[in-house]
Protein backbone atom coordinates (compact mmCIF):
# COMPACT_ATOMS: atom_id res chain seq x y z
CA UNK A 1 5.59 -33.94 21.11
CA UNK A 2 4.83 -31.02 23.03
CA UNK A 3 7.48 -28.28 22.25
CA UNK A 4 9.41 -27.03 25.91
CA UNK A 5 8.75 -23.25 26.28
CA UNK A 6 12.24 -21.26 27.22
CA UNK A 7 9.74 -18.49 29.00
CA UNK A 8 6.61 -18.62 30.44
CA UNK A 9 5.79 -15.17 31.25
CA UNK A 10 7.31 -11.41 31.75
CA UNK A 11 6.51 -8.58 33.48
CA UNK A 12 7.96 -5.40 31.34
CA UNK A 13 9.05 -1.97 32.40
CA UNK A 14 7.52 -2.30 35.78
CA UNK A 15 8.63 0.80 38.03
CA UNK A 16 10.67 0.26 41.15
CA UNK A 17 7.65 1.81 43.33
CA UNK A 18 5.96 -1.40 43.22
CA UNK A 19 8.26 -2.61 46.02
CA UNK A 20 6.82 0.38 48.56
CA UNK A 21 3.31 0.28 48.77
CA UNK A 22 0.68 -1.63 50.13
CA UNK A 23 -0.44 -3.94 46.84
CA UNK A 24 3.57 -5.21 47.62
CA UNK A 25 1.99 -8.81 47.74
CA UNK A 26 0.10 -8.95 45.05
CA UNK A 27 3.50 -8.10 43.30
CA UNK A 28 5.01 -10.94 44.65
CA UNK A 29 2.18 -13.04 43.71
CA UNK A 30 3.13 -12.18 40.31
CA UNK A 31 6.96 -13.00 40.70
CA UNK A 32 7.39 -15.82 42.52
CA UNK A 33 9.04 -17.85 39.90
CA UNK A 34 12.72 -18.34 38.86
CA UNK A 35 14.02 -16.28 35.71
CA UNK A 36 15.81 -13.69 34.29
CA UNK A 37 15.68 -9.76 34.80
CA UNK A 38 17.07 -6.46 33.43
CA UNK A 39 17.44 -3.35 35.58
CA UNK A 40 16.70 0.08 34.04
CA UNK A 41 17.95 3.24 34.80
CA UNK A 42 14.99 5.21 32.98
CA UNK A 43 14.76 3.34 29.12
CA UNK A 44 18.57 2.19 29.40
CA UNK A 45 19.16 -1.40 30.36
CA UNK A 46 21.34 -1.12 33.26
CA UNK A 47 22.16 -4.49 35.41
CA UNK A 48 20.76 -8.34 34.06
CA UNK A 49 20.49 -10.47 36.56
CA UNK A 50 19.05 -14.22 37.11
CA UNK A 51 17.23 -15.53 40.60
CA UNK A 52 15.55 -18.39 41.65
CA UNK A 53 12.97 -16.37 43.05
CA UNK A 54 12.48 -13.18 41.03
CA UNK A 55 10.57 -11.34 43.61
CA UNK A 56 12.91 -11.80 46.82
CA UNK A 57 16.38 -10.73 43.85
CA UNK A 58 14.66 -7.39 42.80
CA UNK A 59 13.09 -6.42 46.28
CA UNK A 60 16.59 -6.74 47.64
CA UNK A 61 17.46 -4.55 44.94
CA UNK A 62 15.19 -2.03 45.31
CA UNK A 63 15.26 -1.62 49.09
CA UNK A 64 18.36 -2.85 50.06
CA UNK A 65 19.95 0.58 50.84
CA UNK A 66 23.49 -0.29 51.23
CA UNK A 67 23.39 -2.66 47.89
CA UNK A 68 26.01 -1.47 45.12
CA UNK A 69 23.16 -1.61 42.52
CA UNK A 70 20.05 -0.14 44.40
CA UNK A 71 20.09 3.55 43.46
CA UNK A 72 20.83 3.36 39.94
CA UNK A 73 17.53 2.31 38.38
CA UNK A 74 13.80 2.70 38.59
CA UNK A 75 12.07 0.37 35.96
CA UNK A 76 12.69 -3.45 35.89
CA UNK A 77 11.16 -6.33 33.51
CA UNK A 78 11.48 -9.96 34.60
CA UNK A 79 11.07 -13.12 32.91
CA UNK A 80 9.75 -16.84 34.31
CA UNK A 81 11.82 -18.98 33.11
CA UNK A 82 11.74 -22.55 34.66
CA UNK A 83 14.81 -24.32 33.42
CA UNK A 84 18.02 -23.86 34.97
CA UNK A 85 20.19 -24.35 31.82
CA UNK A 86 17.53 -21.60 29.65
CA UNK A 87 17.96 -19.14 32.55
CA UNK A 88 22.35 -19.06 32.17
CA UNK A 89 22.37 -18.87 28.47
CA UNK A 90 19.60 -16.13 28.63
CA UNK A 91 21.16 -14.19 31.32
CA UNK A 92 24.49 -14.58 29.14
CA UNK A 93 23.07 -13.68 26.30
CA UNK A 94 21.40 -10.33 27.55
CA UNK A 95 24.76 -9.42 28.98
CA UNK A 96 27.11 -9.76 25.92
CA UNK A 97 24.35 -7.77 24.16
CA UNK A 98 23.58 -4.90 26.06
CA UNK A 99 26.37 -1.82 27.63
CA UNK A 100 25.60 -2.12 31.00
CA UNK A 101 26.93 -2.69 34.74
CA UNK A 102 27.52 -6.24 35.33
CA UNK A 103 30.89 -7.38 36.55
CA UNK A 104 30.24 -10.43 34.78
CA UNK A 105 31.14 -11.76 31.22
CA UNK A 106 29.46 -14.22 30.26
CA UNK A 107 31.15 -17.38 28.46
CA UNK A 108 30.56 -17.59 25.39
CA UNK A 109 32.61 -18.57 22.72
CA UNK A 110 33.39 -15.23 20.26
CA UNK A 111 33.53 -15.45 16.52
CA UNK A 112 36.20 -13.10 15.10
CA UNK A 113 35.29 -10.61 12.50
CA UNK A 114 37.35 -11.96 9.15
CA UNK A 115 40.46 -10.52 8.75
CA UNK A 116 39.50 -9.60 5.03
CA UNK A 117 36.28 -8.05 5.78
CA UNK A 118 38.33 -6.18 8.62
CA UNK A 119 40.54 -4.90 5.82
CA UNK A 120 37.83 -4.22 3.55
CA UNK A 121 36.10 -2.14 5.96
CA UNK A 122 39.71 -0.20 6.40
CA UNK A 123 39.84 0.69 3.35
CA UNK A 124 36.29 1.86 2.73
CA UNK A 125 36.86 3.88 6.24
CA UNK A 126 40.12 5.50 4.61
CA UNK A 127 38.35 6.42 1.56
CA UNK A 128 35.42 7.96 2.82
CA UNK A 129 38.32 9.94 5.01
CA UNK A 130 39.74 10.90 2.19
CA UNK A 131 37.10 12.48 0.40
CA UNK A 132 36.00 14.73 3.66
CA UNK A 133 38.99 16.46 3.74
C-alpha cells in the first residue's frame, strides 16, 4: 500500500514581483492547486493562510492594494496540499509556531508546562539573578 503524501511540492521564497510581470501566466500554471502559503516580510514570516487555489489567493494578496496584508510582504512560500484535513492541520501548526499577523487562534490542545518544571525553572532564574548582583 502506497503511503499518502501530506504535500506534493512547494514554491519556496518566491518574490512577490512574480505577480507583476509578463510571465504571470506561467506562475499561475505552477500554483493552481490547493494548499497552504506563508507571506514573508523580508525573511520573517508575516501571515499564514490556506486556500483552494494558491495562485488566486496569493495574487489577491499581491494586487488588491486596499487589502489588509497587501503592503506588508515581499516574498511567499506555497505548499501544495491536496487533502483539506491536512491543509487545516498544517495551517494551524504554522500559525501556532510563529509570531505572525494572523488573527486566527488555532484549535490545538495545549500541553501545560508541568508545575514542578515551572517551579524548578523559577528557582534557577532566581539563583542566576542573585549571582548577577
